[in-house]
Amino acid sequence: MPKFTRRAAGPAWWLLLSLLGASVAYVAIAEPKTFVSVVAVLTVLFALAHLQGKREERKLLALAAARKGQTICEFARDFDARAVDTWIIRAVYEQLQAQLEPMHPAFPVRAEDRLKEDLLLDDDDLDVDLVQEVEARTGRSLDGSTDNPYFGNVKTVRDLVLFFQSQPRSSRAT
């Protein structure tokens, strides 16, 4: 199974970043009082976000410690390998581990884990990153996903695996 690799940032991203930098520099020079106020507010917001991130990290580390030694083998046993494509099982497991790696390397994922409440993934993590990565690795297409019985009902890791199991193979897949 191929590993998922991110594409490098293109010229459009660099242009956007340059424009943002130029805008910040302009405001800092033209409106220094406004700039200082904005920086103060952003500093407080970043500090609060950092504290929340630390709380979430402690929660995930405690969950991982309680599951010490569990591997993909235990995860795969939660599925009927005759009914569910093992590539989907593996891709979901590995991509979830990649998402959680900053908190814990080789995070022991379970099928009953709730994506938002237990693994602390937000909609952007799921929709923008995880789903696209699993699609690329499994050769399943997201075309027609609104007809999938799991569409809008993916709450657990098991639901995510079964969502992809219900998706058609991509015409680009071999």
N, C-alpha and C. Protein backbone atom coordinates (compact mmCIF):
# COMPACT_ATOMS: atom_id res chain seq x y z
N MET A 1 0.85 -1.17 0.00
CA MET A 1 0.00 0.00 0.00
C MET A 1 0.89 1.24 0.00
N PRO A 2 0.61 2.20 -0.86
CA PRO A 2 1.45 3.39 -0.91
C PRO A 2 1.27 4.27 0.33
N LYS A 3 2.33 4.90 0.74
CA LYS A 3 2.27 5.88 1.82
C LYS A 3 1.71 7.17 1.23
N PHE A 4 1.05 7.95 2.07
CA PHE A 4 0.53 9.23 1.63
C PHE A 4 1.63 10.27 1.75
N THR A 5 1.87 11.00 0.68
CA THR A 5 2.86 12.07 0.72
C THR A 5 2.19 13.38 0.34
N ARG A 6 2.49 14.39 1.11
CA ARG A 6 1.92 15.71 0.85
C ARG A 6 2.69 16.39 -0.29
N ARG A 7 1.94 17.14 -1.06
CA ARG A 7 2.59 17.93 -2.11
C ARG A 7 3.21 19.17 -1.48
N ALA A 8 4.29 19.63 -2.06
CA ALA A 8 4.94 20.84 -1.57
C ALA A 8 4.06 22.05 -1.86
N ALA A 9 4.22 23.08 -1.05
CA ALA A 9 3.45 24.31 -1.26
C ALA A 9 3.81 24.91 -2.61
N GLY A 10 2.80 25.31 -3.34
CA GLY A 10 3.01 25.87 -4.67
C GLY A 10 3.22 27.36 -4.63
N PRO A 11 3.42 27.95 -5.79
CA PRO A 11 3.67 29.40 -5.87
C PRO A 11 2.52 30.23 -5.29
N ALA A 12 1.29 29.75 -5.42
CA ALA A 12 0.15 30.51 -4.91
C ALA A 12 0.24 30.66 -3.39
N TRP A 13 0.67 29.61 -2.69
CA TRP A 13 0.82 29.70 -1.23
C TRP A 13 1.91 30.69 -0.86
N TRP A 14 3.01 30.68 -1.59
CA TRP A 14 4.10 31.61 -1.30
C TRP A 14 3.67 33.04 -1.59
N LEU A 15 2.90 33.24 -2.63
CA LEU A 15 2.39 34.58 -2.94
C LEU A 15 1.46 35.05 -1.82
N LEU A 16 0.57 34.19 -1.38
CA LEU A 16 -0.35 34.54 -0.29
C LEU A 16 0.43 34.88 0.98
N LEU A 17 1.43 34.08 1.31
CA LEU A 17 2.25 34.33 2.49
C LEU A 17 3.00 35.65 2.36
N SER A 18 3.51 35.96 1.18
CA SER A 18 4.21 37.23 0.95
C SER A 18 3.26 38.42 1.12
N LEU A 19 2.05 38.31 0.59
CA LEU A 19 1.06 39.38 0.73
C LEU A 19 0.67 39.59 2.19
N LEU A 20 0.53 38.49 2.91
CA LEU A 20 0.20 38.60 4.34
C LEU A 20 1.33 39.29 5.09
N GLY A 21 2.56 38.90 4.81
CA GLY A 21 3.72 39.53 5.46
C GLY A 21 3.80 41.02 5.14
N ALA A 22 3.56 41.38 3.88
CA ALA A 22 3.59 42.79 3.48
C ALA A 22 2.48 43.57 4.18
N SER A 23 1.31 42.96 4.32
CA SER A 23 0.20 43.63 5.00
C SER A 23 0.52 43.88 6.47
N VAL A 24 1.12 42.91 7.13
CA VAL A 24 1.50 43.07 8.54
C VAL A 24 2.53 44.18 8.67
N ALA A 25 3.51 44.18 7.78
CA ALA A 25 4.54 45.22 7.83
C ALA A 25 3.92 46.61 7.61
N TYR A 26 2.99 46.71 6.68
CA TYR A 26 2.33 48.00 6.42
C TYR A 26 1.58 48.49 7.65
N VAL A 27 0.79 47.61 8.28
CA VAL A 27 0.02 48.01 9.46
C VAL A 27 0.96 48.39 10.60
N ALA A 28 2.07 47.66 10.77
CA ALA A 28 3.02 47.97 11.83
C ALA A 28 3.63 49.36 11.65
N ILE A 29 3.85 49.76 10.40
CA ILE A 29 4.45 51.07 10.14
C ILE A 29 3.39 52.18 10.15
N ALA A 30 2.26 51.94 9.49
CA ALA A 30 1.24 52.97 9.32
C ALA A 30 0.39 53.19 10.58
N GLU A 31 0.10 52.13 11.30
CA GLU A 31 -0.77 52.20 12.48
C GLU A 31 -0.13 51.45 13.65
N PRO A 32 0.93 51.99 14.24
CA PRO A 32 1.63 51.24 15.29
C PRO A 32 0.76 50.93 16.52
N LYS A 33 -0.13 51.84 16.90
CA LYS A 33 -0.99 51.58 18.07
C LYS A 33 -1.95 50.42 17.79
N THR A 34 -2.52 50.40 16.61
CA THR A 34 -3.41 49.31 16.22
C THR A 34 -2.63 48.00 16.16
N PHE A 35 -1.44 48.07 15.63
CA PHE A 35 -0.60 46.88 15.52
C PHE A 35 -0.30 46.30 16.91
N VAL A 36 0.06 47.14 17.85
CA VAL A 36 0.37 46.68 19.21
C VAL A 36 -0.87 46.06 19.85
N SER A 37 -2.03 46.66 19.65
CA SER A 37 -3.28 46.11 20.21
C SER A 37 -3.58 44.74 19.62
N VAL A 38 -3.43 44.61 18.32
CA VAL A 38 -3.69 43.34 17.66
C VAL A 38 -2.71 42.27 18.14
N VAL A 39 -1.45 42.64 18.26
CA VAL A 39 -0.45 41.69 18.74
C VAL A 39 -0.77 41.24 20.17
N ALA A 40 -1.22 42.16 21.03
CA ALA A 40 -1.58 41.80 22.40
C ALA A 40 -2.75 40.82 22.43
N VAL A 41 -3.78 41.08 21.64
CA VAL A 41 -4.93 40.18 21.59
C VAL A 41 -4.52 38.82 21.04
N LEU A 42 -3.73 38.81 19.99
CA LEU A 42 -3.29 37.54 19.42
C LEU A 42 -2.41 36.76 20.40
N THR A 43 -1.60 37.44 21.18
CA THR A 43 -0.77 36.77 22.18
C THR A 43 -1.63 36.07 23.22
N VAL A 44 -2.67 36.74 23.69
CA VAL A 44 -3.58 36.13 24.66
C VAL A 44 -4.29 34.92 24.04
N LEU A 45 -4.76 35.06 22.81
CA LEU A 45 -5.44 33.95 22.14
C LEU A 45 -4.51 32.76 21.94
N PHE A 46 -3.29 33.01 21.54
CA PHE A 46 -2.32 31.92 21.36
C PHE A 46 -1.99 31.25 22.69
N ALA A 47 -1.90 32.02 23.75
CA ALA A 47 -1.63 31.44 25.08
C ALA A 47 -2.78 30.53 25.51
N LEU A 48 -4.00 30.98 25.30
CA LEU A 48 -5.17 30.15 25.65
C LEU A 48 -5.22 28.88 24.80
N ALA A 49 -4.93 29.02 23.52
CA ALA A 49 -4.91 27.85 22.64
C ALA A 49 -3.81 26.88 23.06
N HIS A 50 -2.68 27.40 23.48
CA HIS A 50 -1.58 26.54 23.94
C HIS A 50 -1.98 25.77 25.19
N LEU A 51 -2.64 26.43 26.14
CA LEU A 51 -3.10 25.75 27.35
C LEU A 51 -4.11 24.65 27.02
N GLN A 52 -5.03 24.95 26.12
CA GLN A 52 -6.01 23.94 25.71
C GLN A 52 -5.31 22.77 25.03
N GLY A 53 -4.33 23.05 24.20
CA GLY A 53 -3.57 22.00 23.54
C GLY A 53 -2.85 21.10 24.54
N LYS A 54 -2.31 21.68 25.57
CA LYS A 54 -1.63 20.89 26.61
C LYS A 54 -2.62 19.99 27.34
N ARG A 55 -3.83 20.51 27.63
CA ARG A 55 -4.86 19.68 28.27
C ARG A 55 -5.23 18.49 27.38
N GLU A 56 -5.40 18.76 26.09
CA GLU A 56 -5.74 17.69 25.16
C GLU A 56 -4.61 16.67 25.05
N GLU A 57 -3.39 17.16 25.05
CA GLU A 57 -2.24 16.26 24.97
C GLU A 57 -2.19 15.33 26.18
N ARG A 58 -2.43 15.87 27.37
CA ARG A 58 -2.45 15.02 28.58
C ARG A 58 -3.54 13.97 28.51
N LYS A 59 -4.70 14.35 27.98
CA LYS A 59 -5.81 13.40 27.85
C LYS A 59 -5.43 12.26 26.89
N LEU A 60 -4.85 12.60 25.75
CA LEU A 60 -4.45 11.57 24.79
C LEU A 60 -3.33 10.70 25.31
N LEU A 61 -2.39 11.28 26.03
CA LEU A 61 -1.29 10.49 26.61
C LEU A 61 -1.81 9.51 27.65
N ALA A 62 -2.78 9.93 28.44
CA ALA A 62 -3.37 9.02 29.42
C ALA A 62 -4.10 7.88 28.73
N LEU A 63 -4.82 8.18 27.66
CA LEU A 63 -5.52 7.15 26.88
C LEU A 63 -4.52 6.17 26.27
N ALA A 64 -3.44 6.68 25.72
CA ALA A 64 -2.42 5.82 25.12
C ALA A 64 -1.73 4.96 26.17
N ALA A 65 -1.48 5.51 27.34
CA ALA A 65 -0.82 4.75 28.41
C ALA A 65 -1.70 3.59 28.87
N ALA A 66 -3.00 3.81 28.88
CA ALA A 66 -3.92 2.74 29.29
C ALA A 66 -3.96 1.61 28.26
N ARG A 67 -3.51 1.88 27.04
CA ARG A 67 -3.54 0.89 25.96
C ARG A 67 -2.14 0.43 25.55
N LYS A 68 -1.19 0.64 26.39
CA LYS A 68 0.21 0.36 26.06
C LYS A 68 0.37 -1.06 25.49
N GLY A 69 1.11 -1.16 24.41
CA GLY A 69 1.40 -2.45 23.80
C GLY A 69 0.41 -2.89 22.74
N GLN A 70 -0.69 -2.18 22.58
CA GLN A 70 -1.65 -2.56 21.54
C GLN A 70 -1.16 -2.11 20.17
N THR A 71 -1.44 -2.92 19.17
CA THR A 71 -0.96 -2.65 17.81
C THR A 71 -2.11 -2.71 16.82
N ILE A 72 -1.76 -2.64 15.55
CA ILE A 72 -2.75 -2.74 14.49
C ILE A 72 -3.44 -4.10 14.52
N CYS A 73 -2.78 -5.11 15.07
CA CYS A 73 -3.38 -6.45 15.12
C CYS A 73 -4.68 -6.45 15.94
N GLU A 74 -4.64 -5.81 17.10
CA GLU A 74 -5.86 -5.72 17.93
C GLU A 74 -6.93 -4.90 17.22
N PHE A 75 -6.50 -3.84 16.56
CA PHE A 75 -7.44 -3.00 15.82
C PHE A 75 -8.11 -3.80 14.70
N ALA A 76 -7.32 -4.53 13.93
CA ALA A 76 -7.85 -5.29 12.79
C ALA A 76 -8.82 -6.38 13.23
N ARG A 77 -8.61 -6.93 14.42
CA ARG A 77 -9.51 -7.98 14.91
C ARG A 77 -10.92 -7.49 15.18
N ASP A 78 -11.09 -6.18 15.27
CA ASP A 78 -12.43 -5.61 15.48
C ASP A 78 -13.27 -5.61 14.20
N PHE A 79 -12.68 -6.06 13.09
CA PHE A 79 -13.38 -6.06 11.80
C PHE A 79 -13.36 -7.47 11.21
N ASP A 80 -14.38 -7.78 10.44
CA ASP A 80 -14.43 -9.04 9.71
C ASP A 80 -13.64 -8.87 8.42
N ALA A 81 -12.45 -9.46 8.37
CA ALA A 81 -11.56 -9.28 7.23
C ALA A 81 -12.14 -9.84 5.93
N ARG A 82 -13.17 -10.68 6.02
CA ARG A 82 -13.82 -11.19 4.81
C ARG A 82 -14.83 -10.18 4.26
N ALA A 83 -15.29 -9.26 5.13
CA ALA A 83 -16.29 -8.30 4.71
C ALA A 83 -15.73 -6.89 4.51
N VAL A 84 -14.58 -6.62 5.13
CA VAL A 84 -14.00 -5.28 5.05
C VAL A 84 -12.61 -5.37 4.43
N ASP A 85 -12.36 -4.53 3.46
CA ASP A 85 -11.07 -4.48 2.78
C ASP A 85 -9.97 -4.16 3.80
N THR A 86 -8.98 -5.03 3.89
CA THR A 86 -7.91 -4.85 4.87
C THR A 86 -7.05 -3.64 4.56
N TRP A 87 -7.01 -3.21 3.31
CA TRP A 87 -6.28 -1.99 2.97
C TRP A 87 -6.95 -0.78 3.62
N ILE A 88 -8.26 -0.79 3.68
CA ILE A 88 -8.98 0.31 4.32
C ILE A 88 -8.68 0.31 5.82
N ILE A 89 -8.72 -0.86 6.43
CA ILE A 89 -8.42 -0.98 7.86
C ILE A 89 -7.03 -0.41 8.14
N ARG A 90 -6.08 -0.84 7.35
CA ARG A 90 -4.69 -0.40 7.55
C ARG A 90 -4.53 1.10 7.29
N ALA A 91 -5.11 1.58 6.21
CA ALA A 91 -4.96 3.00 5.86
C ALA A 91 -5.57 3.89 6.94
N VAL A 92 -6.76 3.55 7.42
CA VAL A 92 -7.40 4.36 8.47
C VAL A 92 -6.54 4.34 9.72
N TYR A 93 -6.08 3.17 10.12
CA TYR A 93 -5.25 3.05 11.32
C TYR A 93 -3.97 3.89 11.19
N GLU A 94 -3.27 3.74 10.09
CA GLU A 94 -2.00 4.44 9.92
C GLU A 94 -2.18 5.94 9.77
N GLN A 95 -3.22 6.38 9.08
CA GLN A 95 -3.42 7.81 8.93
C GLN A 95 -3.89 8.44 10.24
N LEU A 96 -4.65 7.71 11.04
CA LEU A 96 -5.00 8.23 12.37
C LEU A 96 -3.75 8.34 13.23
N GLN A 97 -2.87 7.35 13.14
CA GLN A 97 -1.62 7.43 13.88
C GLN A 97 -0.80 8.64 13.42
N ALA A 98 -0.78 8.90 12.13
CA ALA A 98 -0.04 10.05 11.62
C ALA A 98 -0.63 11.35 12.16
N GLN A 99 -1.96 11.42 12.27
CA GLN A 99 -2.62 12.61 12.82
C GLN A 99 -2.27 12.80 14.30
N LEU A 100 -2.16 11.69 15.03
CA LEU A 100 -1.94 11.76 16.47
C LEU A 100 -0.46 11.70 16.85
N GLU A 101 0.41 11.55 15.87
CA GLU A 101 1.85 11.41 16.14
C GLU A 101 2.45 12.56 16.94
N PRO A 102 2.03 13.81 16.70
CA PRO A 102 2.61 14.88 17.53
C PRO A 102 2.35 14.68 19.03
N MET A 103 1.27 14.01 19.36
CA MET A 103 0.94 13.76 20.76
C MET A 103 1.60 12.48 21.27
N HIS A 104 1.59 11.44 20.43
CA HIS A 104 2.11 10.13 20.85
C HIS A 104 2.47 9.32 19.62
N PRO A 105 3.73 8.87 19.53
CA PRO A 105 4.08 8.03 18.38
C PRO A 105 3.39 6.67 18.50
N ALA A 106 2.91 6.15 17.39
CA ALA A 106 2.23 4.84 17.35
C ALA A 106 1.06 4.80 18.32
N PHE A 107 0.17 5.77 18.23
CA PHE A 107 -0.99 5.82 19.12
C PHE A 107 -1.86 4.58 18.92
N PRO A 108 -2.21 3.88 20.00
CA PRO A 108 -3.00 2.66 19.89
C PRO A 108 -4.50 2.95 19.66
N VAL A 109 -4.88 3.00 18.41
CA VAL A 109 -6.25 3.33 18.01
C VAL A 109 -7.14 2.10 18.19
N ARG A 110 -8.38 2.32 18.57
CA ARG A 110 -9.38 1.25 18.67
C ARG A 110 -10.58 1.60 17.79
N ALA A 111 -11.26 0.59 17.34
CA ALA A 111 -12.42 0.79 16.45
C ALA A 111 -13.52 1.60 17.12
N GLU A 112 -13.69 1.45 18.42
CA GLU A 112 -14.77 2.15 19.11
C GLU A 112 -14.42 3.58 19.51
N ASP A 113 -13.19 4.01 19.25
CA ASP A 113 -12.80 5.38 19.58
C ASP A 113 -13.66 6.37 18.83
N ARG A 114 -14.16 7.35 19.55
CA ARG A 114 -14.91 8.44 18.93
C ARG A 114 -13.91 9.44 18.39
N LEU A 115 -14.08 9.82 17.16
CA LEU A 115 -13.10 10.67 16.48
C LEU A 115 -12.94 12.03 17.16
N LYS A 116 -14.02 12.65 17.53
CA LYS A 116 -13.95 13.99 18.13
C LYS A 116 -13.75 13.94 19.64
N GLU A 117 -14.52 13.14 20.33
CA GLU A 117 -14.49 13.14 21.79
C GLU A 117 -13.27 12.43 22.36
N ASP A 118 -12.89 11.28 21.80
CA ASP A 118 -11.78 10.50 22.34
C ASP A 118 -10.45 10.88 21.71
N LEU A 119 -10.41 11.01 20.38
CA LEU A 119 -9.16 11.28 19.68
C LEU A 119 -8.94 12.78 19.44
N LEU A 120 -9.94 13.59 19.81
CA LEU A 120 -9.84 15.05 19.76
C LEU A 120 -9.53 15.59 18.37
N LEU A 121 -10.08 14.96 17.36
CA LEU A 121 -9.92 15.44 15.98
C LEU A 121 -11.06 16.40 15.66
N ASP A 122 -10.77 17.47 14.99
CA ASP A 122 -11.83 18.39 14.60
C ASP A 122 -12.25 18.15 13.15
N ASP A 123 -13.25 18.87 12.71
CA ASP A 123 -13.78 18.65 11.36
C ASP A 123 -12.72 18.87 10.29
N ASP A 124 -11.84 19.85 10.48
CA ASP A 124 -10.79 20.09 9.49
C ASP A 124 -9.82 18.92 9.43
N ASP A 125 -9.45 18.37 10.60
CA ASP A 125 -8.57 17.20 10.62
C ASP A 125 -9.19 16.06 9.82
N LEU A 126 -10.49 15.89 10.00
CA LEU A 126 -11.18 14.78 9.35
C LEU A 126 -11.40 15.04 7.86
N ASP A 127 -12.05 16.15 7.55
CA ASP A 127 -12.46 16.41 6.17
C ASP A 127 -11.32 16.80 5.25
N VAL A 128 -10.44 17.64 5.74
CA VAL A 128 -9.38 18.17 4.88
C VAL A 128 -8.19 17.21 4.80
N ASP A 129 -7.84 16.61 5.93
CA ASP A 129 -6.65 15.78 5.95
C ASP A 129 -6.97 14.29 5.87
N LEU A 130 -7.55 13.75 6.91
CA LEU A 130 -7.69 12.31 7.07
C LEU A 130 -8.44 11.64 5.92
N VAL A 131 -9.57 12.16 5.57
CA VAL A 131 -10.39 11.54 4.51
C VAL A 131 -9.66 11.56 3.18
N GLN A 132 -9.00 12.68 2.87
CA GLN A 132 -8.26 12.78 1.61
C GLN A 132 -7.09 11.79 1.58
N GLU A 133 -6.42 11.64 2.72
CA GLU A 133 -5.28 10.73 2.79
C GLU A 133 -5.72 9.28 2.64
N VAL A 134 -6.79 8.91 3.32
CA VAL A 134 -7.29 7.53 3.22
C VAL A 134 -7.78 7.25 1.80
N GLU A 135 -8.44 8.22 1.20
CA GLU A 135 -8.89 8.06 -0.19
C GLU A 135 -7.70 7.79 -1.10
N ALA A 136 -6.64 8.56 -0.95
CA ALA A 136 -5.46 8.39 -1.81
C ALA A 136 -4.79 7.03 -1.59
N ARG A 137 -4.78 6.55 -0.37
CA ARG A 137 -4.07 5.30 -0.07
C ARG A 137 -4.87 4.06 -0.43
N THR A 138 -6.19 4.14 -0.35
CA THR A 138 -7.00 2.93 -0.55
C THR A 138 -7.50 2.76 -1.97
N GLY A 139 -7.45 3.82 -2.77
CA GLY A 139 -7.99 3.72 -4.12
C GLY A 139 -9.51 3.78 -4.14
N ARG A 140 -10.09 4.24 -3.05
CA ARG A 140 -11.54 4.43 -3.01
C ARG A 140 -11.85 5.87 -3.40
N SER A 141 -12.94 6.05 -4.07
CA SER A 141 -13.34 7.38 -4.54
C SER A 141 -14.31 8.00 -3.55
N LEU A 142 -14.24 9.31 -3.40
CA LEU A 142 -15.22 10.02 -2.58
C LEU A 142 -16.41 10.49 -3.42
N ASP A 143 -16.39 10.18 -4.72
CA ASP A 143 -17.52 10.52 -5.58
C ASP A 143 -18.77 9.82 -5.08
N GLY A 144 -19.85 10.53 -5.02
CA GLY A 144 -21.12 9.94 -4.59
C GLY A 144 -21.16 9.64 -3.11
N SER A 145 -20.33 10.28 -2.33
CA SER A 145 -20.29 9.98 -0.90
C SER A 145 -21.59 10.37 -0.18
N THR A 146 -22.35 11.28 -0.77
CA THR A 146 -23.62 11.66 -0.13
C THR A 146 -24.64 10.52 -0.17
N ASP A 147 -24.42 9.54 -1.06
CA ASP A 147 -25.30 8.38 -1.13
C ASP A 147 -24.87 7.27 -0.17
N ASN A 148 -23.71 7.43 0.44
CA ASN A 148 -23.17 6.44 1.36
C ASN A 148 -24.02 6.43 2.64
N PRO A 149 -24.43 5.25 3.14
CA PRO A 149 -25.25 5.21 4.35
C PRO A 149 -24.53 5.78 5.58
N TYR A 150 -23.21 5.88 5.54
CA TYR A 150 -22.46 6.45 6.66
C TYR A 150 -22.22 7.94 6.53
N PHE A 151 -22.60 8.52 5.38
CA PHE A 151 -22.38 9.94 5.16
C PHE A 151 -23.09 10.75 6.25
N GLY A 152 -22.34 11.62 6.92
CA GLY A 152 -22.90 12.43 7.99
C GLY A 152 -23.05 11.69 9.31
N ASN A 153 -22.71 10.41 9.33
CA ASN A 153 -22.87 9.61 10.55
C ASN A 153 -21.55 8.99 11.01
N VAL A 154 -20.44 9.53 10.56
CA VAL A 154 -19.14 8.99 10.96
C VAL A 154 -18.77 9.61 12.30
N LYS A 155 -18.92 8.82 13.35
CA LYS A 155 -18.61 9.27 14.71
C LYS A 155 -17.41 8.54 15.29
N THR A 156 -17.25 7.27 14.92
CA THR A 156 -16.17 6.45 15.47
C THR A 156 -15.21 6.03 14.37
N VAL A 157 -14.11 5.44 14.79
CA VAL A 157 -13.13 4.93 13.83
C VAL A 157 -13.78 3.82 13.01
N ARG A 158 -14.58 2.97 13.64
CA ARG A 158 -15.28 1.91 12.91
C ARG A 158 -16.16 2.50 11.81
N ASP A 159 -16.88 3.56 12.13
CA ASP A 159 -17.72 4.22 11.14
C ASP A 159 -16.90 4.72 9.95
N LEU A 160 -15.70 5.24 10.24
CA LEU A 160 -14.84 5.74 9.17
C LEU A 160 -14.40 4.60 8.25
N VAL A 161 -14.02 3.48 8.84
CA VAL A 161 -13.63 2.31 8.04
C VAL A 161 -14.81 1.84 7.19
N LEU A 162 -15.98 1.75 7.80
CA LEU A 162 -17.15 1.27 7.07
C LEU A 162 -17.62 2.27 6.02
N PHE A 163 -17.39 3.57 6.28
CA PHE A 163 -17.70 4.58 5.27
C PHE A 163 -16.88 4.31 4.01
N PHE A 164 -15.58 4.10 4.17
CA PHE A 164 -14.73 3.84 3.01
C PHE A 164 -15.04 2.49 2.38
N GLN A 165 -15.43 1.52 3.18
CA GLN A 165 -15.81 0.22 2.63
C GLN A 165 -17.02 0.37 1.71
N SER A 166 -17.90 1.31 2.02
CA SER A 166 -19.11 1.52 1.23
C SER A 166 -18.88 2.42 0.01
N GLN A 167 -17.69 2.97 -0.13
CA GLN A 167 -17.38 3.82 -1.27
C GLN A 167 -16.89 2.98 -2.45
N PRO A 168 -17.18 3.41 -3.68
CA PRO A 168 -16.70 2.66 -4.85
C PRO A 168 -15.20 2.85 -5.04
N ARG A 169 -14.62 1.90 -5.73
CA ARG A 169 -13.20 2.03 -6.09
C ARG A 169 -13.05 3.15 -7.09
N SER A 170 -11.95 3.85 -6.99
CA SER A 170 -11.66 4.95 -7.89
C SER A 170 -11.36 4.42 -9.28
N SER A 171 -11.76 5.15 -10.29
CA SER A 171 -11.43 4.74 -11.66
C SER A 171 -9.94 4.91 -11.93
N ARG A 172 -9.25 5.71 -11.09
CA ARG A 172 -7.80 5.91 -11.22
C ARG A 172 -7.03 4.78 -10.56
N ALA A 173 -7.68 4.01 -9.67
CA ALA A 173 -6.99 2.92 -8.96
C ALA A 173 -6.78 1.75 -9.90
N THR A 174 -5.72 1.01 -9.63
CA THR A 174 -5.46 -0.16 -10.47
C THR A 174 -5.85 -1.42 -9.74
